[in-house]
Amino acid sequence: MGISGDGSLSSKGVELQTPKLRGQNGENLVRKITRLLNDRDFRVDRSCGLHVHIDGVDLSPRTRTKHNPQTIKNLLMLYITYEDVIQSILPRSRRNNRYAQHVRNNFHCAEIEQCNSLESIEKLWYRVAKRKDLKYQKDQHYNSTRYNGLNLHSLFSDGHLEIRYHSGTINAEKILHWCQLHLAMVDYAKRSGYIQSQPEMTALGEKTEHLFNILSLPDATREYYRNRQNTFSSNLNTEESENRNH
């Protein structure tokens, strides 16, 4: 367990980092940590964020130049297509947050489809043309591209995917449902041969159900996110309530 300061937080704010978590033991540790934080009267505010790191060992191709980075392309396609669904289940402070920018504003499906190697998609991510510039970008810990809601900079430089969209929380159920959603998205990207840009679905509810169905989300997680989506869409003053509920 790690505890450190963070420049994006207020002067008394701290960041907590868990060890690698998996399975039931991981869930139990999340519940234990959040229970301790709540018992000691810790609080979150809108400056806080929840960052989930997912092991990237199976996400990248075997070589940087010879193999198609299809899983990474699928991930980008998936998040670009369904980012509005993700945003709809978050409080307003995270929908236009400079530390969790929208990937759909920075990348387009057509240019992703053209990438045929890991190096080509890295160059697209960093918007560089030369290999020496690519190395420079990847070596920067605080590279500006890390501030996308879907952070591939951490994957390219350190071997793990980072999800930055969510508001800070010390509520175990929120954390576990959030992990369930994004692990399912990564699994879908890995097992799908080829994800293309999806046909336009104008109704948010239809798009939400389509995402839940292709991910085969558990019923409890589906219901949890339907309720959040309904709450945030029907009440514009839920930000304060969200913080009170950690």
C-alpha atoms as a PDB file:
ATOM      1  CA  MET A   1       0.000   0.000   0.000  1.00  0.00           C
ATOM      2  CA  GLY A   2       1.398   3.398  -0.982  1.00  0.00           C
ATOM      3  CA  ILE A   3       0.479   6.870   0.253  1.00  0.00           C
ATOM      4  CA  SER A   4       1.757  10.064  -1.344  1.00  0.00           C
ATOM      5  CA  GLY A   5       0.844  13.642  -2.135  1.00  0.00           C
ATOM      6  CA  ASP A   6      -0.554  14.736  -5.478  1.00  0.00           C
ATOM      7  CA  GLY A   7      -0.236  18.139  -7.130  1.00  0.00           C
ATOM      8  CA  SER A   8      -3.839  18.111  -8.346  1.00  0.00           C
ATOM      9  CA  LEU A   9      -5.228  17.804  -4.804  1.00  0.00           C
ATOM     10  CA  SER A  10      -5.672  20.393  -2.092  1.00  0.00           C
ATOM     11  CA  SER A  11      -2.834  20.905   0.403  1.00  0.00           C
ATOM     12  CA  LYS A  12      -4.127  18.227   2.786  1.00  0.00           C
ATOM     13  CA  GLY A  13      -4.976  15.716   0.063  1.00  0.00           C
ATOM     14  CA  VAL A  14      -3.263  12.345  -0.271  1.00  0.00           C
ATOM     15  CA  GLU A  15      -3.190   9.692  -2.980  1.00  0.00           C
ATOM     16  CA  LEU A  16      -3.454   6.021  -2.056  1.00  0.00           C
ATOM     17  CA  GLN A  17      -2.034   3.290  -4.282  1.00  0.00           C
ATOM     18  CA  THR A  18      -3.018  -0.341  -3.780  1.00  0.00           C
ATOM     19  CA  PRO A  19      -0.810  -3.304  -4.656  1.00  0.00           C
ATOM     20  CA  LYS A  20      -1.856  -5.404  -7.652  1.00  0.00           C
ATOM     21  CA  LEU A  21      -5.320  -6.813  -7.011  1.00  0.00           C
ATOM     22  CA  ARG A  22      -7.081  -9.845  -8.419  1.00  0.00           C
ATOM     23  CA  GLY A  23     -10.078 -12.054  -7.680  1.00  0.00           C
ATOM     24  CA  GLN A  24     -11.856 -12.306  -4.356  1.00  0.00           C
ATOM     25  CA  ASN A  25      -8.763 -11.358  -2.377  1.00  0.00           C
ATOM     26  CA  GLY A  26      -8.565  -8.123  -4.359  1.00  0.00           C
ATOM     27  CA  GLU A  27     -12.220  -7.324  -3.690  1.00  0.00           C
ATOM     28  CA  ASN A  28     -11.751  -8.030   0.003  1.00  0.00           C
ATOM     29  CA  LEU A  29      -8.782  -5.667   0.188  1.00  0.00           C
ATOM     30  CA  VAL A  30     -10.757  -2.866  -1.526  1.00  0.00           C
ATOM     31  CA  ARG A  31     -13.550  -3.305   1.012  1.00  0.00           C
ATOM     32  CA  LYS A  32     -11.084  -3.345   3.923  1.00  0.00           C
ATOM     33  CA  ILE A  33      -9.235  -0.207   2.758  1.00  0.00           C
ATOM     34  CA  THR A  34     -12.398   1.794   2.103  1.00  0.00           C
ATOM     35  CA  ARG A  35     -13.882   0.735   5.440  1.00  0.00           C
ATOM     36  CA  LEU A  36     -10.761   1.975   7.249  1.00  0.00           C
ATOM     37  CA  LEU A  37     -10.804   5.279   5.356  1.00  0.00           C
ATOM     38  CA  ASN A  38     -14.462   5.859   6.156  1.00  0.00           C
ATOM     39  CA  ASP A  39     -13.960   4.907   9.813  1.00  0.00           C
ATOM     40  CA  ARG A  40     -11.202   7.524  10.024  1.00  0.00           C
ATOM     41  CA  ASP A  41     -13.411  10.187   8.470  1.00  0.00           C
ATOM     42  CA  PHE A  42     -11.532  10.618   5.185  1.00  0.00           C
ATOM     43  CA  ARG A  43     -13.429  12.599   2.525  1.00  0.00           C
ATOM     44  CA  VAL A  44     -13.256  13.166  -1.219  1.00  0.00           C
ATOM     45  CA  ASP A  45     -14.095  16.307  -3.178  1.00  0.00           C
ATOM     46  CA  ARG A  46     -14.257  17.216  -6.855  1.00  0.00           C
ATOM     47  CA  SER A  47     -10.459  17.567  -7.078  1.00  0.00           C
ATOM     48  CA  CYS A  48     -10.093  13.813  -6.450  1.00  0.00           C
ATOM     49  CA  GLY A  49     -10.028  11.099  -9.089  1.00  0.00           C
ATOM     50  CA  LEU A  50     -10.094   7.297  -9.110  1.00  0.00           C
ATOM     51  CA  HIS A  51      -7.425   5.839 -11.418  1.00  0.00           C
ATOM     52  CA  VAL A  52      -7.560   2.137 -12.306  1.00  0.00           C
ATOM     53  CA  HIS A  53      -4.445   0.434 -13.686  1.00  0.00           C
ATOM     54  CA  ILE A  54      -4.845  -2.768 -15.715  1.00  0.00           C
ATOM     55  CA  ASP A  55      -1.938  -5.080 -16.499  1.00  0.00           C
ATOM     56  CA  GLY A  56      -1.048  -4.692 -20.181  1.00  0.00           C
ATOM     57  CA  VAL A  57       0.868  -7.938 -20.606  1.00  0.00           C
ATOM     58  CA  ASP A  58      -1.591  -9.302 -23.216  1.00  0.00           C
ATOM     59  CA  LEU A  59      -2.477  -6.029 -24.904  1.00  0.00           C
ATOM     60  CA  SER A  60       0.558  -5.290 -27.098  1.00  0.00           C
ATOM     61  CA  PRO A  61       1.720  -7.329 -30.142  1.00  0.00           C
ATOM     62  CA  ARG A  62       4.884  -9.428 -29.985  1.00  0.00           C
ATOM     63  CA  THR A  63       6.955  -6.940 -31.982  1.00  0.00           C
ATOM     64  CA  ARG A  64       6.690  -3.204 -32.524  1.00  0.00           C
ATOM     65  CA  THR A  65       6.887  -3.307 -36.332  1.00  0.00           C
ATOM     66  CA  LYS A  66       5.679  -6.684 -37.670  1.00  0.00           C
ATOM     67  CA  HIS A  67       2.406  -7.422 -35.909  1.00  0.00           C
ATOM     68  CA  ASN A  68      -0.925  -5.622 -35.990  1.00  0.00           C
ATOM     69  CA  PRO A  69      -1.768  -4.017 -32.608  1.00  0.00           C
ATOM     70  CA  GLN A  70      -5.383  -5.098 -32.963  1.00  0.00           C
ATOM     71  CA  THR A  71      -6.237  -5.221 -29.270  1.00  0.00           C
ATOM     72  CA  ILE A  72      -5.011  -1.646 -28.754  1.00  0.00           C
ATOM     73  CA  LYS A  73      -6.898  -0.508 -31.859  1.00  0.00           C
ATOM     74  CA  ASN A  74     -10.002  -2.275 -30.549  1.00  0.00           C
ATOM     75  CA  LEU A  75      -9.647  -0.523 -27.199  1.00  0.00           C
ATOM     76  CA  LEU A  76      -9.456   2.904 -28.796  1.00  0.00           C
ATOM     77  CA  MET A  77     -12.426   2.135 -31.071  1.00  0.00           C
ATOM     78  CA  LEU A  78     -14.451   0.872 -28.132  1.00  0.00           C
ATOM     79  CA  TYR A  79     -13.783   3.889 -25.920  1.00  0.00           C
ATOM     80  CA  ILE A  80     -14.319   6.388 -28.729  1.00  0.00           C
ATOM     81  CA  THR A  81     -17.631   4.760 -29.620  1.00  0.00           C
ATOM     82  CA  TYR A  82     -18.991   4.405 -26.082  1.00  0.00           C
ATOM     83  CA  GLU A  83     -17.311   7.296 -24.285  1.00  0.00           C
ATOM     84  CA  ASP A  84     -20.613   9.174 -24.068  1.00  0.00           C
ATOM     85  CA  VAL A  85     -22.077   6.206 -22.187  1.00  0.00           C
ATOM     86  CA  ILE A  86     -19.141   6.284 -19.763  1.00  0.00           C
ATOM     87  CA  GLN A  87     -19.547  10.034 -19.300  1.00  0.00           C
ATOM     88  CA  SER A  88     -23.268   9.650 -18.609  1.00  0.00           C
ATOM     89  CA  ILE A  89     -22.602   7.612 -15.451  1.00  0.00           C
ATOM     90  CA  LEU A  90     -20.195  10.173 -13.988  1.00  0.00           C
ATOM     91  CA  PRO A  91     -20.739  13.485 -12.144  1.00  0.00           C
ATOM     92  CA  ARG A  92     -20.372  16.748 -14.048  1.00  0.00           C
ATOM     93  CA  SER A  93     -16.907  17.475 -12.623  1.00  0.00           C
ATOM     94  CA  ARG A  94     -15.514  14.494 -14.556  1.00  0.00           C
ATOM     95  CA  ARG A  95     -17.247  15.098 -17.889  1.00  0.00           C
ATOM     96  CA  ASN A  96     -15.003  17.956 -18.933  1.00  0.00           C
ATOM     97  CA  ASN A  97     -12.054  17.338 -16.668  1.00  0.00           C
ATOM     98  CA  ARG A  98      -8.597  18.296 -17.931  1.00  0.00           C
ATOM     99  CA  TYR A  99      -7.072  15.306 -16.163  1.00  0.00           C
ATOM    100  CA  ALA A 100      -9.419  12.875 -17.947  1.00  0.00           C
ATOM    101  CA  GLN A 101      -9.914  14.264 -21.455  1.00  0.00           C
ATOM    102  CA  HIS A 102     -12.187  12.659 -24.023  1.00  0.00           C
ATOM    103  CA  VAL A 103     -10.350  10.343 -26.402  1.00  0.00           C
ATOM    104  CA  ARG A 104     -13.049  10.922 -29.026  1.00  0.00           C
ATOM    105  CA  ASN A 105     -11.981  14.574 -29.218  1.00  0.00           C
ATOM    106  CA  ASN A 106      -8.363  13.654 -29.884  1.00  0.00           C
ATOM    107  CA  PHE A 107      -8.549  10.585 -32.141  1.00  0.00           C
ATOM    108  CA  HIS A 108     -10.703   9.346 -35.010  1.00  0.00           C
ATOM    109  CA  CYS A 109     -11.667   5.823 -36.003  1.00  0.00           C
ATOM    110  CA  ALA A 110     -10.477   6.220 -39.596  1.00  0.00           C
ATOM    111  CA  GLU A 111      -6.894   7.037 -38.582  1.00  0.00           C
ATOM    112  CA  ILE A 112      -6.830   4.220 -36.032  1.00  0.00           C
ATOM    113  CA  GLU A 113      -7.909   1.725 -38.677  1.00  0.00           C
ATOM    114  CA  GLN A 114      -4.872   2.685 -40.786  1.00  0.00           C
ATOM    115  CA  CYS A 115      -2.357   1.651 -38.100  1.00  0.00           C
ATOM    116  CA  ASN A 116      -0.727  -1.700 -38.859  1.00  0.00           C
ATOM    117  CA  SER A 117       2.004  -1.910 -36.195  1.00  0.00           C
ATOM    118  CA  LEU A 118       2.575  -0.972 -32.587  1.00  0.00           C
ATOM    119  CA  GLU A 119       4.988   1.730 -33.696  1.00  0.00           C
ATOM    120  CA  SER A 120       2.401   3.269 -36.015  1.00  0.00           C
ATOM    121  CA  ILE A 121      -0.247   3.480 -33.315  1.00  0.00           C
ATOM    122  CA  GLU A 122       2.291   4.888 -30.839  1.00  0.00           C
ATOM    123  CA  LYS A 123       3.143   7.588 -33.379  1.00  0.00           C
ATOM    124  CA  LEU A 124      -0.556   8.304 -33.772  1.00  0.00           C
ATOM    125  CA  TRP A 125      -1.024   8.535 -30.001  1.00  0.00           C
ATOM    126  CA  TYR A 126       1.822  11.024 -29.589  1.00  0.00           C
ATOM    127  CA  ARG A 127       1.224  12.776 -32.939  1.00  0.00           C
ATOM    128  CA  VAL A 128       4.830  12.360 -34.085  1.00  0.00           C
ATOM    129  CA  ALA A 129       6.336  11.111 -37.348  1.00  0.00           C
ATOM    130  CA  LYS A 130       9.906  10.184 -36.407  1.00  0.00           C
ATOM    131  CA  ARG A 131      11.129   7.328 -34.222  1.00  0.00           C
ATOM    132  CA  LYS A 132      13.481   9.569 -32.232  1.00  0.00           C
ATOM    133  CA  ASP A 133      10.559  11.858 -31.359  1.00  0.00           C
ATOM    134  CA  LEU A 134       8.533   8.829 -30.326  1.00  0.00           C
ATOM    135  CA  LYS A 135      11.216   7.717 -27.874  1.00  0.00           C
ATOM    136  CA  TYR A 136      11.370  11.207 -26.386  1.00  0.00           C
ATOM    137  CA  GLN A 137       7.606  11.261 -25.817  1.00  0.00           C
ATOM    138  CA  LYS A 138       7.498   7.805 -24.261  1.00  0.00           C
ATOM    139  CA  ASP A 139      10.320   8.667 -21.852  1.00  0.00           C
ATOM    140  CA  GLN A 140       8.361  11.599 -20.373  1.00  0.00           C
ATOM    141  CA  HIS A 141       6.581  10.492 -17.214  1.00  0.00           C
ATOM    142  CA  TYR A 142       4.246  13.495 -17.261  1.00  0.00           C
ATOM    143  CA  ASN A 143       3.622  13.442 -20.993  1.00  0.00           C
ATOM    144  CA  SER A 144       0.483  15.431 -21.800  1.00  0.00           C
ATOM    145  CA  THR A 145      -1.230  12.420 -23.433  1.00  0.00           C
ATOM    146  CA  ARG A 146      -1.491  10.717 -20.036  1.00  0.00           C
ATOM    147  CA  TYR A 147      -4.417  13.036 -19.255  1.00  0.00           C
ATOM    148  CA  ASN A 148      -6.852  11.187 -21.501  1.00  0.00           C
ATOM    149  CA  GLY A 149      -9.621   9.249 -19.760  1.00  0.00           C
ATOM    150  CA  LEU A 150      -8.162   6.194 -21.491  1.00  0.00           C
ATOM    151  CA  ASN A 151      -4.415   6.595 -20.936  1.00  0.00           C
ATOM    152  CA  LEU A 152      -2.264   4.646 -23.409  1.00  0.00           C
ATOM    153  CA  HIS A 153       0.887   6.561 -22.474  1.00  0.00           C
ATOM    154  CA  SER A 154       1.180   4.377 -19.358  1.00  0.00           C
ATOM    155  CA  LEU A 155       0.792   1.283 -21.559  1.00  0.00           C
ATOM    156  CA  PHE A 156       3.438   2.359 -24.075  1.00  0.00           C
ATOM    157  CA  SER A 157       5.925   3.559 -21.461  1.00  0.00           C
ATOM    158  CA  ASP A 158       5.276   1.331 -18.422  1.00  0.00           C
ATOM    159  CA  GLY A 159       3.235  -1.672 -19.615  1.00  0.00           C
ATOM    160  CA  HIS A 160      -0.108  -0.973 -17.938  1.00  0.00           C
ATOM    161  CA  LEU A 161      -3.340   0.626 -19.099  1.00  0.00           C
ATOM    162  CA  GLU A 162      -4.768   3.453 -16.991  1.00  0.00           C
ATOM    163  CA  ILE A 163      -8.438   4.467 -16.770  1.00  0.00           C
ATOM    164  CA  ARG A 164      -8.812   8.017 -15.399  1.00  0.00           C
ATOM    165  CA  TYR A 165     -12.459   8.980 -15.984  1.00  0.00           C
ATOM    166  CA  HIS A 166     -13.983   8.350 -12.553  1.00  0.00           C
ATOM    167  CA  SER A 167     -14.361  10.832  -9.694  1.00  0.00           C
ATOM    168  CA  GLY A 168     -12.571  10.131  -6.434  1.00  0.00           C
ATOM    169  CA  THR A 169     -14.344   7.733  -4.102  1.00  0.00           C
ATOM    170  CA  ILE A 170     -13.838   5.667  -0.971  1.00  0.00           C
ATOM    171  CA  ASN A 171     -17.022   3.681  -1.620  1.00  0.00           C
ATOM    172  CA  ALA A 172     -16.105   0.043  -2.275  1.00  0.00           C
ATOM    173  CA  GLU A 173     -19.175  -0.713  -4.405  1.00  0.00           C
ATOM    174  CA  LYS A 174     -18.430   2.187  -6.745  1.00  0.00           C
ATOM    175  CA  ILE A 175     -14.832   1.050  -7.151  1.00  0.00           C
ATOM    176  CA  LEU A 176     -15.694  -2.600  -7.747  1.00  0.00           C
ATOM    177  CA  HIS A 177     -18.459  -1.896 -10.282  1.00  0.00           C
ATOM    178  CA  TRP A 178     -16.115   0.511 -12.085  1.00  0.00           C
ATOM    179  CA  CYS A 179     -13.378  -2.120 -12.263  1.00  0.00           C
ATOM    180  CA  GLN A 180     -15.934  -4.665 -13.491  1.00  0.00           C
ATOM    181  CA  LEU A 181     -16.916  -2.376 -16.374  1.00  0.00           C
ATOM    182  CA  HIS A 182     -13.408  -1.630 -17.605  1.00  0.00           C
ATOM    183  CA  LEU A 183     -12.044  -5.133 -17.174  1.00  0.00           C
ATOM    184  CA  ALA A 184     -14.971  -6.277 -19.317  1.00  0.00           C
ATOM    185  CA  MET A 185     -14.091  -3.670 -21.954  1.00  0.00           C
ATOM    186  CA  VAL A 186     -10.465  -4.827 -22.029  1.00  0.00           C
ATOM    187  CA  ASP A 187     -11.532  -8.484 -22.246  1.00  0.00           C
ATOM    188  CA  TYR A 188     -13.897  -7.661 -25.116  1.00  0.00           C
ATOM    189  CA  ALA A 189     -11.132  -5.815 -26.978  1.00  0.00           C
ATOM    190  CA  LYS A 190      -8.807  -8.804 -26.526  1.00  0.00           C
ATOM    191  CA  ARG A 191     -11.245 -11.467 -27.692  1.00  0.00           C
ATOM    192  CA  SER A 192     -12.711  -9.497 -30.614  1.00  0.00           C
ATOM    193  CA  GLY A 193     -10.953 -10.052 -33.924  1.00  0.00           C
ATOM    194  CA  TYR A 194     -11.714  -6.628 -35.334  1.00  0.00           C
ATOM    195  CA  ILE A 195     -13.783  -3.767 -33.920  1.00  0.00           C
ATOM    196  CA  GLN A 196     -14.902  -1.209 -36.456  1.00  0.00           C
ATOM    197  CA  SER A 197     -16.581   2.108 -35.788  1.00  0.00           C
ATOM    198  CA  GLN A 198     -20.146   1.284 -34.802  1.00  0.00           C
ATOM    199  CA  PRO A 199     -23.279   2.474 -36.617  1.00  0.00           C
ATOM    200  CA  GLU A 200     -24.643   5.661 -35.127  1.00  0.00           C
ATOM    201  CA  MET A 201     -27.020   5.094 -32.229  1.00  0.00           C
ATOM    202  CA  THR A 202     -28.663   8.355 -31.259  1.00  0.00           C
ATOM    203  CA  ALA A 203     -30.534   7.201 -28.152  1.00  0.00           C
ATOM    204  CA  LEU A 204     -28.256   6.986 -25.107  1.00  0.00           C
ATOM    205  CA  GLY A 205     -30.365   4.228 -23.557  1.00  0.00           C
ATOM    206  CA  GLU A 206     -30.087   2.075 -26.689  1.00  0.00           C
ATOM    207  CA  LYS A 207     -26.338   2.616 -26.845  1.00  0.00           C
ATOM    208  CA  THR A 208     -25.965   1.805 -23.150  1.00  0.00           C
ATOM    209  CA  GLU A 209     -27.843  -1.479 -23.503  1.00  0.00           C
ATOM    210  CA  HIS A 210     -25.798  -2.384 -26.577  1.00  0.00           C
ATOM    211  CA  LEU A 211     -22.559  -1.862 -24.639  1.00  0.00           C
ATOM    212  CA  PHE A 212     -23.809  -3.842 -21.633  1.00  0.00           C
ATOM    213  CA  ASN A 213     -24.852  -6.699 -23.923  1.00  0.00           C
ATOM    214  CA  ILE A 214     -21.604  -7.013 -25.876  1.00  0.00           C
ATOM    215  CA  LEU A 215     -19.651  -6.910 -22.594  1.00  0.00           C
ATOM    216  CA  SER A 216     -21.963  -9.483 -20.944  1.00  0.00           C
ATOM    217  CA  LEU A 217     -21.991  -7.420 -17.756  1.00  0.00           C
ATOM    218  CA  PRO A 218     -23.497  -9.033 -14.624  1.00  0.00           C
ATOM    219  CA  ASP A 219     -27.049  -7.981 -13.807  1.00  0.00           C
ATOM    220  CA  ALA A 220     -25.985  -6.199 -10.611  1.00  0.00           C
ATOM    221  CA  THR A 221     -23.478  -4.020 -12.497  1.00  0.00           C
ATOM    222  CA  ARG A 222     -26.015  -3.231 -15.224  1.00  0.00           C
ATOM    223  CA  GLU A 223     -28.590  -2.150 -12.681  1.00  0.00           C
ATOM    224  CA  TYR A 224     -26.050  -0.088 -10.762  1.00  0.00           C
ATOM    225  CA  TYR A 225     -25.090   1.871 -13.878  1.00  0.00           C
ATOM    226  CA  ARG A 226     -28.658   2.290 -15.104  1.00  0.00           C
ATOM    227  CA  ASN A 227     -29.484   3.893 -11.762  1.00  0.00           C
ATOM    228  CA  ARG A 228     -26.453   6.197 -11.937  1.00  0.00           C
ATOM    229  CA  GLN A 229     -27.286   7.193 -15.489  1.00  0.00           C
ATOM    230  CA  ASN A 230     -30.881   7.969 -14.538  1.00  0.00           C
ATOM    231  CA  THR A 231     -29.760   9.965 -11.502  1.00  0.00           C
ATOM    232  CA  PHE A 232     -27.241  12.115 -13.358  1.00  0.00           C
ATOM    233  CA  SER A 233     -29.534  12.708 -16.340  1.00  0.00           C
ATOM    234  CA  SER A 234     -32.585  13.666 -14.253  1.00  0.00           C
ATOM    235  CA  ASN A 235     -30.966  15.807 -11.563  1.00  0.00           C
ATOM    236  CA  LEU A 236     -28.376  18.441 -12.420  1.00  0.00           C
ATOM    237  CA  ASN A 237     -27.576  19.016  -8.752  1.00  0.00           C
ATOM    238  CA  THR A 238     -26.188  15.565  -7.939  1.00  0.00           C
ATOM    239  CA  GLU A 239     -22.542  16.666  -7.623  1.00  0.00           C
ATOM    240  CA  GLU A 240     -22.810  17.525  -3.937  1.00  0.00           C
ATOM    241  CA  SER A 241     -24.738  14.316  -3.237  1.00  0.00           C
ATOM    242  CA  GLU A 242     -22.089  12.288  -5.058  1.00  0.00           C
ATOM    243  CA  ASN A 243     -19.353  13.711  -2.824  1.00  0.00           C
ATOM    244  CA  ARG A 244     -21.363  13.116   0.343  1.00  0.00           C
ATOM    245  CA  ASN A 245     -21.750   9.471  -0.648  1.00  0.00           C
ATOM    246  CA  HIS A 246     -17.967   9.234  -1.220  1.00  0.00           C
END
